[in-house]
Structures are given as C-alpha cells and as structure tokens.
C-alpha cells in the first residue's frame, strides 16, 4: 500500500457530503495531483494553503506545528517500540502496531497541511536522560510512557482547539485526530489494567504545560 492510500485508510471520509459545490474543482485538482481517490478531510488539508491565499494564518500555523511536534514524538516512540525485539507481548503487538500506523498517518496529514512551513522532526530521547533507561526492554515502562504520550496528546489537542476557530476545515481535521488519540489513550489504559478515563470531564492543557511534560523526551 502506498503512502497516500495508507493515509487515506486512517482518515474518516464522512465529511464528503458537506463539501460545497464551489470547492469541487479544488478537490478534483488535488486528488488528481496526488493520484488517488481522496477523502474530504485529506484534500481539505492539502488545499489549505490555497484556501488561505497561499499561506496559513500564523496562529493556525503555530498550532499545527505544535501538534506536529507531538505527533513526531509519538510516531518515533511507537516505531522504536514496535521494532524492539521481545518488548511487546504477542497479544498486544497488533494494538501497538496499529497505534504506530495512526501516529505516522497524523504526521503525514499535518505535514500536508503545513507544506513548506512544517517544522522538522525533533531529536528524541525516550529514556528522558536515563530516567526511563529500560523503556524499550521493559514492557511496563513502555506502557507507562505510552499512556503519558497519549494522555498528553489528547489534552494538547483539546487545549488548542479554540485557536483553530475561524478555520472550520482545519479544526475538523484536528478534531478527527483528537478523537483517535483519545481512543488510543483509553486502549493503552485498558492494557495497563486502568480505567479508560479519569472522571466525567477531561481537562485541556496549555501549550506551556504540554511542552514542559514533553521536553524531557526531546533531545
């Protein structure tokens, strides 16, 4: 399966019925250029720069690059975990392989929205300077960090959603990612024999709080 088809398999197509007629030429052009049958959210993302006059508003660009940095972190984490021999018990390998595929799809989608404005992937240190030295040899440690990253992603998207108001298309794509991250978090908690929730209301985190939590893992 090529990269484009892989991304499409991870993005829900339900928005197709909401597309206004005046934008169908944009959809057709981007779909033809990409060489595949395009779902609405993906082509909305690919067309975002054109929709904003060749440049995303700076506030939206900053939010998406913030999200992309977190997605880079998660994608790299699961890539390392899924290739670490003997780390993940056989009954959970499909779960973590699928989560890793989702995170890679999120990276590709955000990169497509941002285009040349996308930040580069950061260097990472999943041991956090040695604090989690056995992260890729001890499943319990791996599971702890998986929950940390998934919970962090959910709170981060929630905290930034308000900054995407005014761009309904980009906000919709961000919310699609957010809901999948929440499902990841719940599944990882279940594997760790924990409840999939902390209470009736989930709290957002500010950008500074998210970065403070993520910084130890950014080399």
C-alpha atoms as a PDB file:
ATOM      1  CA  UNK A   1       0.000   0.000   0.000  1.00  0.00           C
ATOM      2  CA  UNK A   2       1.500   3.376  -0.966  1.00  0.00           C
ATOM      3  CA  UNK A   3       1.810   6.295   1.447  1.00  0.00           C
ATOM      4  CA  UNK A   4      -1.188   8.175   0.088  1.00  0.00           C
ATOM      5  CA  UNK A   5      -3.502   5.185   0.308  1.00  0.00           C
ATOM      6  CA  UNK A   6      -2.197   4.424   3.797  1.00  0.00           C
ATOM      7  CA  UNK A   7      -3.044   7.922   4.993  1.00  0.00           C
ATOM      8  CA  UNK A   8      -6.494   7.696   3.447  1.00  0.00           C
ATOM      9  CA  UNK A   9      -7.155   4.441   5.272  1.00  0.00           C
ATOM     10  CA  UNK A  10      -6.682   6.275   8.556  1.00  0.00           C
ATOM     11  CA  UNK A  11      -8.863   9.333   7.836  1.00  0.00           C
ATOM     12  CA  UNK A  12     -12.628   9.085   8.085  1.00  0.00           C
ATOM     13  CA  UNK A  13     -14.462  10.141   4.890  1.00  0.00           C
ATOM     14  CA  UNK A  14     -17.775  11.266   6.383  1.00  0.00           C
ATOM     15  CA  UNK A  15     -17.208  14.926   5.559  1.00  0.00           C
ATOM     16  CA  UNK A  16     -17.595  14.273   1.854  1.00  0.00           C
ATOM     17  CA  UNK A  17     -21.297  15.108   1.899  1.00  0.00           C
ATOM     18  CA  UNK A  18     -20.635  18.551   3.387  1.00  0.00           C
ATOM     19  CA  UNK A  19     -18.406  19.885   0.620  1.00  0.00           C
ATOM     20  CA  UNK A  20     -19.782  22.969  -1.082  1.00  0.00           C
ATOM     21  CA  UNK A  21     -20.017  22.890  -4.858  1.00  0.00           C
ATOM     22  CA  UNK A  22     -17.687  25.854  -5.366  1.00  0.00           C
ATOM     23  CA  UNK A  23     -14.745  23.904  -3.998  1.00  0.00           C
ATOM     24  CA  UNK A  24     -15.159  20.755  -6.028  1.00  0.00           C
ATOM     25  CA  UNK A  25     -12.590  21.977  -8.541  1.00  0.00           C
ATOM     26  CA  UNK A  26     -10.025  22.294  -5.746  1.00  0.00           C
ATOM     27  CA  UNK A  27     -10.802  18.754  -4.609  1.00  0.00           C
ATOM     28  CA  UNK A  28     -10.568  17.369  -8.116  1.00  0.00           C
ATOM     29  CA  UNK A  29      -7.259  19.113  -8.791  1.00  0.00           C
ATOM     30  CA  UNK A  30      -5.590  17.920  -5.596  1.00  0.00           C
ATOM     31  CA  UNK A  31      -6.964  14.406  -5.921  1.00  0.00           C
ATOM     32  CA  UNK A  32      -5.677  14.181  -9.497  1.00  0.00           C
ATOM     33  CA  UNK A  33      -2.269  15.540  -8.491  1.00  0.00           C
ATOM     34  CA  UNK A  34      -1.986  13.039  -5.618  1.00  0.00           C
ATOM     35  CA  UNK A  35      -3.108  10.190  -7.849  1.00  0.00           C
ATOM     36  CA  UNK A  36      -5.794   8.691  -5.650  1.00  0.00           C
ATOM     37  CA  UNK A  37      -9.468   8.896  -4.751  1.00  0.00           C
ATOM     38  CA  UNK A  38      -9.392  11.493  -1.991  1.00  0.00           C
ATOM     39  CA  UNK A  39     -11.425  11.672   1.194  1.00  0.00           C
ATOM     40  CA  UNK A  40     -12.716  15.110   2.130  1.00  0.00           C
ATOM     41  CA  UNK A  41     -10.520  15.772   5.198  1.00  0.00           C
ATOM     42  CA  UNK A  42      -7.275  14.867   3.454  1.00  0.00           C
ATOM     43  CA  UNK A  43      -7.894  17.039   0.407  1.00  0.00           C
ATOM     44  CA  UNK A  44      -9.102  19.876   2.622  1.00  0.00           C
ATOM     45  CA  UNK A  45      -5.736  19.626   4.293  1.00  0.00           C
ATOM     46  CA  UNK A  46      -3.847  19.536   1.005  1.00  0.00           C
ATOM     47  CA  UNK A  47      -5.820  22.546  -0.221  1.00  0.00           C
ATOM     48  CA  UNK A  48      -5.452  24.602   2.966  1.00  0.00           C
ATOM     49  CA  UNK A  49      -2.653  26.842   1.757  1.00  0.00           C
ATOM     50  CA  UNK A  50      -4.656  27.760  -1.337  1.00  0.00           C
ATOM     51  CA  UNK A  51      -7.764  28.381   0.744  1.00  0.00           C
ATOM     52  CA  UNK A  52      -5.820  30.865   2.868  1.00  0.00           C
ATOM     53  CA  UNK A  53      -4.224  32.654  -0.063  1.00  0.00           C
ATOM     54  CA  UNK A  54      -1.078  30.503  -0.219  1.00  0.00           C
ATOM     55  CA  UNK A  55      -0.292  30.886   3.487  1.00  0.00           C
ATOM     56  CA  UNK A  56      -1.905  29.686   6.683  1.00  0.00           C
ATOM     57  CA  UNK A  57      -2.630  32.351   9.298  1.00  0.00           C
ATOM     58  CA  UNK A  58       0.321  32.460  11.702  1.00  0.00           C
ATOM     59  CA  UNK A  59      -1.768  31.398  14.707  1.00  0.00           C
ATOM     60  CA  UNK A  60      -3.030  28.318  12.897  1.00  0.00           C
ATOM     61  CA  UNK A  61       0.428  27.518  11.568  1.00  0.00           C
ATOM     62  CA  UNK A  62       1.842  27.679  15.112  1.00  0.00           C
ATOM     63  CA  UNK A  63      -0.871  25.382  16.487  1.00  0.00           C
ATOM     64  CA  UNK A  64      -0.384  22.824  13.733  1.00  0.00           C
ATOM     65  CA  UNK A  65       3.395  22.828  14.130  1.00  0.00           C
ATOM     66  CA  UNK A  66       2.915  22.333  17.862  1.00  0.00           C
ATOM     67  CA  UNK A  67       0.654  19.360  17.103  1.00  0.00           C
ATOM     68  CA  UNK A  68       3.109  18.061  14.509  1.00  0.00           C
ATOM     69  CA  UNK A  69       5.939  18.107  17.047  1.00  0.00           C
ATOM     70  CA  UNK A  70       3.879  15.936  19.393  1.00  0.00           C
ATOM     71  CA  UNK A  71       2.929  13.601  16.550  1.00  0.00           C
ATOM     72  CA  UNK A  72       6.592  13.264  15.565  1.00  0.00           C
ATOM     73  CA  UNK A  73       7.326  12.297  19.173  1.00  0.00           C
ATOM     74  CA  UNK A  74       4.574   9.682  19.262  1.00  0.00           C
ATOM     75  CA  UNK A  75       5.369   8.238  15.837  1.00  0.00           C
ATOM     76  CA  UNK A  76       9.050   7.853  16.742  1.00  0.00           C
ATOM     77  CA  UNK A  77       8.146   6.272  20.082  1.00  0.00           C
ATOM     78  CA  UNK A  78       5.973   3.579  18.532  1.00  0.00           C
ATOM     79  CA  UNK A  79       8.391   2.962  15.685  1.00  0.00           C
ATOM     80  CA  UNK A  80      11.116   2.239  18.229  1.00  0.00           C
ATOM     81  CA  UNK A  81       8.821   0.158  20.419  1.00  0.00           C
ATOM     82  CA  UNK A  82       7.389  -1.904  17.591  1.00  0.00           C
ATOM     83  CA  UNK A  83      10.842  -2.788  16.297  1.00  0.00           C
ATOM     84  CA  UNK A  84      12.326  -3.620  19.711  1.00  0.00           C
ATOM     85  CA  UNK A  85      12.566  -7.401  19.810  1.00  0.00           C
ATOM     86  CA  UNK A  86      10.826  -9.062  22.722  1.00  0.00           C
ATOM     87  CA  UNK A  87       9.367  -5.854  24.149  1.00  0.00           C
ATOM     88  CA  UNK A  88       5.653  -6.047  23.364  1.00  0.00           C
ATOM     89  CA  UNK A  89       3.775  -9.232  24.322  1.00  0.00           C
ATOM     90  CA  UNK A  90       2.368 -11.017  21.283  1.00  0.00           C
ATOM     91  CA  UNK A  91      -1.266 -10.381  22.275  1.00  0.00           C
ATOM     92  CA  UNK A  92      -0.684  -6.608  22.160  1.00  0.00           C
ATOM     93  CA  UNK A  93       1.521  -6.334  19.079  1.00  0.00           C
ATOM     94  CA  UNK A  94      -1.354  -5.617  16.714  1.00  0.00           C
ATOM     95  CA  UNK A  95      -2.629  -2.877  19.031  1.00  0.00           C
ATOM     96  CA  UNK A  96       0.673  -1.019  19.196  1.00  0.00           C
ATOM     97  CA  UNK A  97       1.463  -1.578  15.547  1.00  0.00           C
ATOM     98  CA  UNK A  98      -1.901  -0.009  14.673  1.00  0.00           C
ATOM     99  CA  UNK A  99      -1.368   2.924  17.050  1.00  0.00           C
ATOM    100  CA  UNK A 100       2.028   3.497  15.450  1.00  0.00           C
ATOM    101  CA  UNK A 101       0.456   3.488  11.986  1.00  0.00           C
ATOM    102  CA  UNK A 102      -2.112   6.030  13.152  1.00  0.00           C
ATOM    103  CA  UNK A 103       0.584   8.353  14.519  1.00  0.00           C
ATOM    104  CA  UNK A 104       2.508   8.133  11.255  1.00  0.00           C
ATOM    105  CA  UNK A 105      -0.694   8.992   9.371  1.00  0.00           C
ATOM    106  CA  UNK A 106      -1.192  12.026  11.640  1.00  0.00           C
ATOM    107  CA  UNK A 107       2.340  13.209  10.871  1.00  0.00           C
ATOM    108  CA  UNK A 108       1.769  12.899   7.127  1.00  0.00           C
ATOM    109  CA  UNK A 109      -1.540  14.738   7.309  1.00  0.00           C
ATOM    110  CA  UNK A 110      -0.176  17.655   9.348  1.00  0.00           C
ATOM    111  CA  UNK A 111       2.831  17.908   7.053  1.00  0.00           C
ATOM    112  CA  UNK A 112       0.483  18.108   4.079  1.00  0.00           C
ATOM    113  CA  UNK A 113      -1.464  20.947   5.694  1.00  0.00           C
ATOM    114  CA  UNK A 114       1.642  22.931   6.596  1.00  0.00           C
ATOM    115  CA  UNK A 115       3.651  22.291   3.453  1.00  0.00           C
ATOM    116  CA  UNK A 116       6.958  24.133   3.496  1.00  0.00           C
ATOM    117  CA  UNK A 117       6.063  25.677   6.875  1.00  0.00           C
ATOM    118  CA  UNK A 118       6.181  22.271   8.628  1.00  0.00           C
ATOM    119  CA  UNK A 119       8.817  22.015  11.345  1.00  0.00           C
ATOM    120  CA  UNK A 120      11.407  19.258  11.144  1.00  0.00           C
ATOM    121  CA  UNK A 121      11.181  16.201  13.371  1.00  0.00           C
ATOM    122  CA  UNK A 122      12.994  16.800  16.664  1.00  0.00           C
ATOM    123  CA  UNK A 123      15.712  14.612  18.105  1.00  0.00           C
ATOM    124  CA  UNK A 124      14.270  12.423  20.833  1.00  0.00           C
ATOM    125  CA  UNK A 125      15.449  10.675  23.986  1.00  0.00           C
ATOM    126  CA  UNK A 126      12.770   8.353  25.291  1.00  0.00           C
ATOM    127  CA  UNK A 127      14.879   7.492  28.320  1.00  0.00           C
ATOM    128  CA  UNK A 128      14.458  11.135  29.455  1.00  0.00           C
ATOM    129  CA  UNK A 129      18.120  11.387  30.296  1.00  0.00           C
ATOM    130  CA  UNK A 130      18.213   7.920  31.834  1.00  0.00           C
ATOM    131  CA  UNK A 131      15.059   8.167  33.941  1.00  0.00           C
ATOM    132  CA  UNK A 132      13.398   5.508  31.780  1.00  0.00           C
ATOM    133  CA  UNK A 133      16.509   3.630  30.723  1.00  0.00           C
ATOM    134  CA  UNK A 134      14.619   0.365  30.140  1.00  0.00           C
ATOM    135  CA  UNK A 135      11.797   1.883  28.074  1.00  0.00           C
ATOM    136  CA  UNK A 136      12.442  -0.441  25.122  1.00  0.00           C
ATOM    137  CA  UNK A 137      13.277  -3.538  27.135  1.00  0.00           C
ATOM    138  CA  UNK A 138      10.636  -3.418  29.892  1.00  0.00           C
ATOM    139  CA  UNK A 139       7.013  -3.516  28.738  1.00  0.00           C
ATOM    140  CA  UNK A 140       5.735  -1.885  31.930  1.00  0.00           C
ATOM    141  CA  UNK A 141       7.974   1.137  31.341  1.00  0.00           C
ATOM    142  CA  UNK A 142       6.981   1.273  27.682  1.00  0.00           C
ATOM    143  CA  UNK A 143       3.318   1.134  28.675  1.00  0.00           C
ATOM    144  CA  UNK A 144       3.788   3.940  31.207  1.00  0.00           C
ATOM    145  CA  UNK A 145       5.289   6.233  28.582  1.00  0.00           C
ATOM    146  CA  UNK A 146       2.693   5.210  26.005  1.00  0.00           C
ATOM    147  CA  UNK A 147      -0.069   6.316  28.373  1.00  0.00           C
ATOM    148  CA  UNK A 148       1.842   9.507  29.142  1.00  0.00           C
ATOM    149  CA  UNK A 149       2.153  10.435  25.457  1.00  0.00           C
ATOM    150  CA  UNK A 150      -1.427   9.511  24.570  1.00  0.00           C
ATOM    151  CA  UNK A 151      -2.921  11.408  27.513  1.00  0.00           C
ATOM    152  CA  UNK A 152      -0.686  14.353  26.669  1.00  0.00           C
ATOM    153  CA  UNK A 153      -1.814  14.346  23.047  1.00  0.00           C
ATOM    154  CA  UNK A 154      -5.488  14.334  24.000  1.00  0.00           C
ATOM    155  CA  UNK A 155      -5.035  17.249  26.405  1.00  0.00           C
ATOM    156  CA  UNK A 156      -2.897  19.182  23.907  1.00  0.00           C
ATOM    157  CA  UNK A 157      -5.407  18.998  21.053  1.00  0.00           C
ATOM    158  CA  UNK A 158      -8.202  19.976  23.404  1.00  0.00           C
ATOM    159  CA  UNK A 159      -6.215  22.929  24.710  1.00  0.00           C
ATOM    160  CA  UNK A 160      -5.524  24.286  21.228  1.00  0.00           C
ATOM    161  CA  UNK A 161      -8.912  23.715  19.572  1.00  0.00           C
ATOM    162  CA  UNK A 162     -10.079  27.258  20.310  1.00  0.00           C
ATOM    163  CA  UNK A 163      -7.136  28.679  18.367  1.00  0.00           C
ATOM    164  CA  UNK A 164      -8.383  26.950  15.216  1.00  0.00           C
ATOM    165  CA  UNK A 165     -11.812  28.594  15.318  1.00  0.00           C
ATOM    166  CA  UNK A 166     -12.214  30.536  12.114  1.00  0.00           C
ATOM    167  CA  UNK A 167     -10.808  27.693  10.059  1.00  0.00           C
ATOM    168  CA  UNK A 168     -13.550  25.093  10.232  1.00  0.00           C
ATOM    169  CA  UNK A 169     -11.819  22.765   7.783  1.00  0.00           C
ATOM    170  CA  UNK A 170      -8.539  22.613   9.704  1.00  0.00           C
ATOM    171  CA  UNK A 171     -10.401  22.428  13.031  1.00  0.00           C
ATOM    172  CA  UNK A 172     -12.393  19.451  11.775  1.00  0.00           C
ATOM    173  CA  UNK A 173      -9.216  17.616  10.772  1.00  0.00           C
ATOM    174  CA  UNK A 174      -7.648  18.389  14.180  1.00  0.00           C
ATOM    175  CA  UNK A 175     -10.730  17.070  15.963  1.00  0.00           C
ATOM    176  CA  UNK A 176     -10.607  13.872  13.928  1.00  0.00           C
ATOM    177  CA  UNK A 177      -7.052  13.338  15.161  1.00  0.00           C
ATOM    178  CA  UNK A 178      -8.043  14.260  18.728  1.00  0.00           C
ATOM    179  CA  UNK A 179     -10.790  11.636  18.921  1.00  0.00           C
ATOM    180  CA  UNK A 180      -8.436   8.913  17.700  1.00  0.00           C
ATOM    181  CA  UNK A 181      -5.811   9.944  20.268  1.00  0.00           C
ATOM    182  CA  UNK A 182      -8.488   9.621  22.950  1.00  0.00           C
ATOM    183  CA  UNK A 183      -9.250   6.087  21.792  1.00  0.00           C
ATOM    184  CA  UNK A 184      -5.536   5.274  21.907  1.00  0.00           C
ATOM    185  CA  UNK A 185      -5.328   6.596  25.451  1.00  0.00           C
ATOM    186  CA  UNK A 186      -8.288   4.511  26.571  1.00  0.00           C
ATOM    187  CA  UNK A 187      -6.926   1.323  24.995  1.00  0.00           C
ATOM    188  CA  UNK A 188      -3.456   1.805  26.493  1.00  0.00           C
ATOM    189  CA  UNK A 189      -5.008   2.369  29.909  1.00  0.00           C
ATOM    190  CA  UNK A 190      -7.071  -0.805  29.499  1.00  0.00           C
ATOM    191  CA  UNK A 191      -3.940  -2.805  28.721  1.00  0.00           C
ATOM    192  CA  UNK A 192      -2.379  -1.384  31.879  1.00  0.00           C
ATOM    193  CA  UNK A 193      -5.456  -2.545  33.852  1.00  0.00           C
ATOM    194  CA  UNK A 194      -6.591   1.030  34.460  1.00  0.00           C
ATOM    195  CA  UNK A 195      -9.848   2.808  33.769  1.00  0.00           C
ATOM    196  CA  UNK A 196     -10.029   4.468  30.362  1.00  0.00           C
ATOM    197  CA  UNK A 197     -10.997   7.773  31.972  1.00  0.00           C
ATOM    198  CA  UNK A 198     -10.128   9.936  34.990  1.00  0.00           C
ATOM    199  CA  UNK A 199     -13.584  11.413  35.548  1.00  0.00           C
ATOM    200  CA  UNK A 200     -16.657  12.864  33.909  1.00  0.00           C
ATOM    201  CA  UNK A 201     -14.712  15.805  32.436  1.00  0.00           C
ATOM    202  CA  UNK A 202     -11.371  15.754  30.649  1.00  0.00           C
ATOM    203  CA  UNK A 203      -9.089  18.738  31.239  1.00  0.00           C
ATOM    204  CA  UNK A 204      -7.227  20.565  28.464  1.00  0.00           C
ATOM    205  CA  UNK A 205      -3.578  21.529  28.902  1.00  0.00           C
ATOM    206  CA  UNK A 206      -1.956  24.777  27.844  1.00  0.00           C
ATOM    207  CA  UNK A 207       0.846  24.781  25.313  1.00  0.00           C
ATOM    208  CA  UNK A 208       3.393  25.609  28.024  1.00  0.00           C
ATOM    209  CA  UNK A 209       2.194  22.731  30.222  1.00  0.00           C
ATOM    210  CA  UNK A 210       2.362  20.276  27.324  1.00  0.00           C
ATOM    211  CA  UNK A 211       5.849  21.402  26.354  1.00  0.00           C
ATOM    212  CA  UNK A 212       7.014  21.116  29.956  1.00  0.00           C
ATOM    213  CA  UNK A 213       5.829  17.499  30.004  1.00  0.00           C
ATOM    214  CA  UNK A 214       7.304  16.669  26.592  1.00  0.00           C
ATOM    215  CA  UNK A 215      10.647  18.471  26.930  1.00  0.00           C
ATOM    216  CA  UNK A 216      12.450  15.703  28.879  1.00  0.00           C
ATOM    217  CA  UNK A 217      11.933  13.442  25.850  1.00  0.00           C
ATOM    218  CA  UNK A 218      13.208  15.959  23.295  1.00  0.00           C
ATOM    219  CA  UNK A 219      16.962  15.595  22.957  1.00  0.00           C
END
